[in-house]
Amino acid sequence: MKLIYCSNCHDVVRLMENRRFCECKNIWGRYVDNLYAEISEQAIPIGFENSSFYNAIKNRPKEGMGIKFNAFSIPEKCKTITVVKDKDSIPPEEAWLFENKEALESVKRGLDDAAAGRLSKFEESLEEFDELYKDLS
């Protein structure tokens, strides 16, 4: 099992088929197939030895110390992981956002607001815009 670690927010993210991001959106990674993965440049890959991990879960004690399993840092050069330079992974029509720090921070704030449930309905926002526009006219 492959995971990635973010040294910025200290999040650990399990890789899956779809691109997954850490909490601060600084790193991402995904499985390309059952073995091969691609990760962003700043992501630090971590591995679990699957058999020892599943054994620890299967034999989880009711109390006391848990069962240890084998985890390891994956070397910088690994044939099953492709490190994608961030600019190479961004479609050209979206690249402007990553070059405009103010816009990127605004999008991140919006994503944080959405995740926290701080949303407004589009219709309400449109009505507020119409009222504001009338006042300016």
C-alpha atoms as a PDB file:
ATOM      1  CA  MET A   1       0.000   0.000   0.000  1.00  0.00           C
ATOM      2  CA  LYS A   2       1.377   3.393  -0.973  1.00  0.00           C
ATOM      3  CA  LEU A   3       0.746   6.635   0.875  1.00  0.00           C
ATOM      4  CA  ILE A   4       2.143  10.141   0.564  1.00  0.00           C
ATOM      5  CA  TYR A   5       3.237  12.509   3.316  1.00  0.00           C
ATOM      6  CA  CYS A   6       3.051  16.316   3.193  1.00  0.00           C
ATOM      7  CA  SER A   7       5.806  18.056   5.134  1.00  0.00           C
ATOM      8  CA  ASN A   8       3.738  21.255   5.041  1.00  0.00           C
ATOM      9  CA  CYS A   9       0.498  20.142   6.788  1.00  0.00           C
ATOM     10  CA  HIS A  10       1.807  16.746   8.020  1.00  0.00           C
ATOM     11  CA  ASP A  11      -1.108  14.934   6.384  1.00  0.00           C
ATOM     12  CA  VAL A  12      -0.743  11.309   5.255  1.00  0.00           C
ATOM     13  CA  VAL A  13      -2.894  10.358   2.265  1.00  0.00           C
ATOM     14  CA  ARG A  14      -3.605   6.874   0.904  1.00  0.00           C
ATOM     15  CA  LEU A  15      -3.268   6.662  -2.854  1.00  0.00           C
ATOM     16  CA  MET A  16      -6.255   5.566  -4.898  1.00  0.00           C
ATOM     17  CA  GLU A  17      -7.179   5.597  -8.592  1.00  0.00           C
ATOM     18  CA  ASN A  18      -8.324   9.226  -8.514  1.00  0.00           C
ATOM     19  CA  ARG A  19      -5.925  12.014  -7.648  1.00  0.00           C
ATOM     20  CA  ARG A  20      -5.996  12.674  -3.881  1.00  0.00           C
ATOM     21  CA  PHE A  21      -4.651  15.752  -2.132  1.00  0.00           C
ATOM     22  CA  CYS A  22      -3.371  16.494   1.358  1.00  0.00           C
ATOM     23  CA  GLU A  23      -5.325  18.861   3.613  1.00  0.00           C
ATOM     24  CA  CYS A  24      -3.418  21.967   2.444  1.00  0.00           C
ATOM     25  CA  LYS A  25      -3.587  20.900  -1.246  1.00  0.00           C
ATOM     26  CA  ASN A  26       0.219  21.120  -1.482  1.00  0.00           C
ATOM     27  CA  ILE A  27       0.748  17.525  -2.649  1.00  0.00           C
ATOM     28  CA  TRP A  28      -1.208  14.892  -4.562  1.00  0.00           C
ATOM     29  CA  GLY A  29      -0.866  11.337  -5.751  1.00  0.00           C
ATOM     30  CA  ARG A  30      -2.778   8.537  -7.449  1.00  0.00           C
ATOM     31  CA  TYR A  31      -2.420   4.944  -8.564  1.00  0.00           C
ATOM     32  CA  VAL A  32      -2.026   4.538 -12.312  1.00  0.00           C
ATOM     33  CA  ASP A  33      -2.759   0.803 -11.923  1.00  0.00           C
ATOM     34  CA  ASN A  34      -2.474  -1.748  -9.092  1.00  0.00           C
ATOM     35  CA  LEU A  35       1.289  -1.261  -8.748  1.00  0.00           C
ATOM     36  CA  TYR A  36       2.373   1.984 -10.395  1.00  0.00           C
ATOM     37  CA  ALA A  37       1.658   5.439  -8.993  1.00  0.00           C
ATOM     38  CA  GLU A  38       2.345   9.053  -9.831  1.00  0.00           C
ATOM     39  CA  ILE A  39       2.914  11.729  -7.210  1.00  0.00           C
ATOM     40  CA  SER A  40       3.584  15.445  -7.136  1.00  0.00           C
ATOM     41  CA  GLU A  41       7.107  16.728  -6.691  1.00  0.00           C
ATOM     42  CA  GLN A  42       6.818  17.649  -2.997  1.00  0.00           C
ATOM     43  CA  ALA A  43       5.065  14.417  -1.952  1.00  0.00           C
ATOM     44  CA  ILE A  44       7.091  11.998   0.173  1.00  0.00           C
ATOM     45  CA  PRO A  45       6.034   8.409  -0.586  1.00  0.00           C
ATOM     46  CA  ILE A  46       5.553   5.885   2.212  1.00  0.00           C
ATOM     47  CA  GLY A  47       4.813   2.175   1.941  1.00  0.00           C
ATOM     48  CA  PHE A  48       3.208  -0.442   4.137  1.00  0.00           C
ATOM     49  CA  GLU A  49       4.174  -4.070   3.792  1.00  0.00           C
ATOM     50  CA  ASN A  50       0.674  -5.303   2.995  1.00  0.00           C
ATOM     51  CA  SER A  51       0.928  -8.742   4.606  1.00  0.00           C
ATOM     52  CA  SER A  52       2.219  -7.413   7.943  1.00  0.00           C
ATOM     53  CA  PHE A  53      -0.364  -4.597   7.910  1.00  0.00           C
ATOM     54  CA  TYR A  54      -3.276  -6.966   7.241  1.00  0.00           C
ATOM     55  CA  ASN A  55      -1.947  -9.374   9.897  1.00  0.00           C
ATOM     56  CA  ALA A  56      -1.853  -6.524  12.457  1.00  0.00           C
ATOM     57  CA  ILE A  57      -5.431  -5.562  11.596  1.00  0.00           C
ATOM     58  CA  LYS A  58      -6.682  -9.155  11.610  1.00  0.00           C
ATOM     59  CA  ASN A  59      -5.100  -9.864  15.004  1.00  0.00           C
ATOM     60  CA  ARG A  60      -5.874  -6.516  16.623  1.00  0.00           C
ATOM     61  CA  PRO A  61      -5.965  -7.001  20.405  1.00  0.00           C
ATOM     62  CA  LYS A  62      -8.878  -5.840  22.545  1.00  0.00           C
ATOM     63  CA  GLU A  63      -6.504  -3.831  24.787  1.00  0.00           C
ATOM     64  CA  GLY A  64      -2.848  -3.192  25.505  1.00  0.00           C
ATOM     65  CA  MET A  65      -0.229  -2.662  22.825  1.00  0.00           C
ATOM     66  CA  GLY A  66      -1.316  -3.028  19.248  1.00  0.00           C
ATOM     67  CA  ILE A  67       0.486  -5.300  16.823  1.00  0.00           C
ATOM     68  CA  LYS A  68       3.373  -3.731  14.939  1.00  0.00           C
ATOM     69  CA  PHE A  69       3.551  -3.864  11.160  1.00  0.00           C
ATOM     70  CA  ASN A  70       6.217  -2.881   8.662  1.00  0.00           C
ATOM     71  CA  ALA A  71       6.156   0.589   7.144  1.00  0.00           C
ATOM     72  CA  PHE A  72       8.973   2.193   5.171  1.00  0.00           C
ATOM     73  CA  SER A  73       9.951   5.320   3.290  1.00  0.00           C
ATOM     74  CA  ILE A  74      10.057   4.718  -0.438  1.00  0.00           C
ATOM     75  CA  PRO A  75      13.365   5.787  -2.017  1.00  0.00           C
ATOM     76  CA  GLU A  76      13.559   8.867  -4.246  1.00  0.00           C
ATOM     77  CA  LYS A  77      14.283   6.630  -7.230  1.00  0.00           C
ATOM     78  CA  CYS A  78      11.614   3.935  -7.407  1.00  0.00           C
ATOM     79  CA  LYS A  79      10.520   2.146 -10.583  1.00  0.00           C
ATOM     80  CA  THR A  80       6.880   1.955  -9.446  1.00  0.00           C
ATOM     81  CA  ILE A  81       6.504   5.694  -8.743  1.00  0.00           C
ATOM     82  CA  THR A  82       6.662   8.532 -11.242  1.00  0.00           C
ATOM     83  CA  VAL A  83       7.290  11.970  -9.786  1.00  0.00           C
ATOM     84  CA  VAL A  84       5.374  14.521 -11.847  1.00  0.00           C
ATOM     85  CA  LYS A  85       6.692  18.052 -11.915  1.00  0.00           C
ATOM     86  CA  ASP A  86       3.751  20.199 -10.841  1.00  0.00           C
ATOM     87  CA  LYS A  87       3.677  22.369 -13.967  1.00  0.00           C
ATOM     88  CA  ASP A  88       3.675  19.257 -16.186  1.00  0.00           C
ATOM     89  CA  SER A  89       0.594  17.883 -14.435  1.00  0.00           C
ATOM     90  CA  ILE A  90      -1.565  20.972 -14.890  1.00  0.00           C
ATOM     91  CA  PRO A  91      -3.642  21.319 -18.071  1.00  0.00           C
ATOM     92  CA  PRO A  92      -2.662  24.514 -19.951  1.00  0.00           C
ATOM     93  CA  GLU A  93      -6.138  26.032 -19.532  1.00  0.00           C
ATOM     94  CA  GLU A  94      -5.743  25.762 -15.727  1.00  0.00           C
ATOM     95  CA  ALA A  95      -2.070  26.753 -15.433  1.00  0.00           C
ATOM     96  CA  TRP A  96      -2.864  30.484 -15.067  1.00  0.00           C
ATOM     97  CA  LEU A  97      -4.416  29.798 -11.669  1.00  0.00           C
ATOM     98  CA  PHE A  98      -1.165  28.391 -10.280  1.00  0.00           C
ATOM     99  CA  GLU A  99       0.772  31.361 -11.612  1.00  0.00           C
ATOM    100  CA  ASN A 100      -1.613  33.840  -9.931  1.00  0.00           C
ATOM    101  CA  LYS A 101      -1.011  33.398  -6.194  1.00  0.00           C
ATOM    102  CA  GLU A 102      -3.882  35.713  -5.191  1.00  0.00           C
ATOM    103  CA  ALA A 103      -6.383  33.769  -7.313  1.00  0.00           C
ATOM    104  CA  LEU A 104      -5.032  30.422  -6.073  1.00  0.00           C
ATOM    105  CA  GLU A 105      -5.382  31.505  -2.429  1.00  0.00           C
ATOM    106  CA  SER A 106      -8.938  32.661  -3.158  1.00  0.00           C
ATOM    107  CA  VAL A 107      -9.817  29.264  -4.649  1.00  0.00           C
ATOM    108  CA  LYS A 108      -8.262  27.489  -1.642  1.00  0.00           C
ATOM    109  CA  ARG A 109     -10.304  29.675   0.731  1.00  0.00           C
ATOM    110  CA  GLY A 110     -13.430  28.846  -1.268  1.00  0.00           C
ATOM    111  CA  LEU A 111     -12.685  25.119  -1.060  1.00  0.00           C
ATOM    112  CA  ASP A 112     -12.123  25.428   2.698  1.00  0.00           C
ATOM    113  CA  ASP A 113     -15.421  27.319   3.048  1.00  0.00           C
ATOM    114  CA  ALA A 114     -17.252  24.653   1.041  1.00  0.00           C
ATOM    115  CA  ALA A 115     -15.699  21.865   3.120  1.00  0.00           C
ATOM    116  CA  ALA A 116     -16.809  23.655   6.312  1.00  0.00           C
ATOM    117  CA  GLY A 117     -20.364  24.066   4.975  1.00  0.00           C
ATOM    118  CA  ARG A 118     -20.077  27.833   4.567  1.00  0.00           C
ATOM    119  CA  LEU A 119     -22.057  28.037   1.330  1.00  0.00           C
ATOM    120  CA  SER A 120     -24.740  30.207  -0.149  1.00  0.00           C
ATOM    121  CA  LYS A 121     -27.186  29.249  -2.843  1.00  0.00           C
ATOM    122  CA  PHE A 122     -26.356  30.577  -6.278  1.00  0.00           C
ATOM    123  CA  GLU A 123     -29.815  32.115  -6.681  1.00  0.00           C
ATOM    124  CA  GLU A 124     -29.379  34.147  -3.475  1.00  0.00           C
ATOM    125  CA  SER A 125     -25.946  35.345  -4.604  1.00  0.00           C
ATOM    126  CA  LEU A 126     -27.380  36.289  -7.991  1.00  0.00           C
ATOM    127  CA  GLU A 127     -30.168  38.292  -6.342  1.00  0.00           C
ATOM    128  CA  GLU A 128     -27.600  40.110  -4.178  1.00  0.00           C
ATOM    129  CA  PHE A 129     -25.561  40.869  -7.292  1.00  0.00           C
ATOM    130  CA  ASP A 130     -28.638  42.236  -9.092  1.00  0.00           C
ATOM    131  CA  GLU A 131     -29.424  44.524  -6.133  1.00  0.00           C
ATOM    132  CA  LEU A 132     -25.820  45.720  -5.980  1.00  0.00           C
ATOM    133  CA  TYR A 133     -25.786  46.347  -9.727  1.00  0.00           C
ATOM    134  CA  LYS A 134     -29.036  48.378  -9.487  1.00  0.00           C
ATOM    135  CA  ASP A 135     -27.511  50.497  -6.712  1.00  0.00           C
ATOM    136  CA  LEU A 136     -24.433  51.205  -8.833  1.00  0.00           C
ATOM    137  CA  SER A 137     -26.433  52.137 -11.936  1.00  0.00           C
END
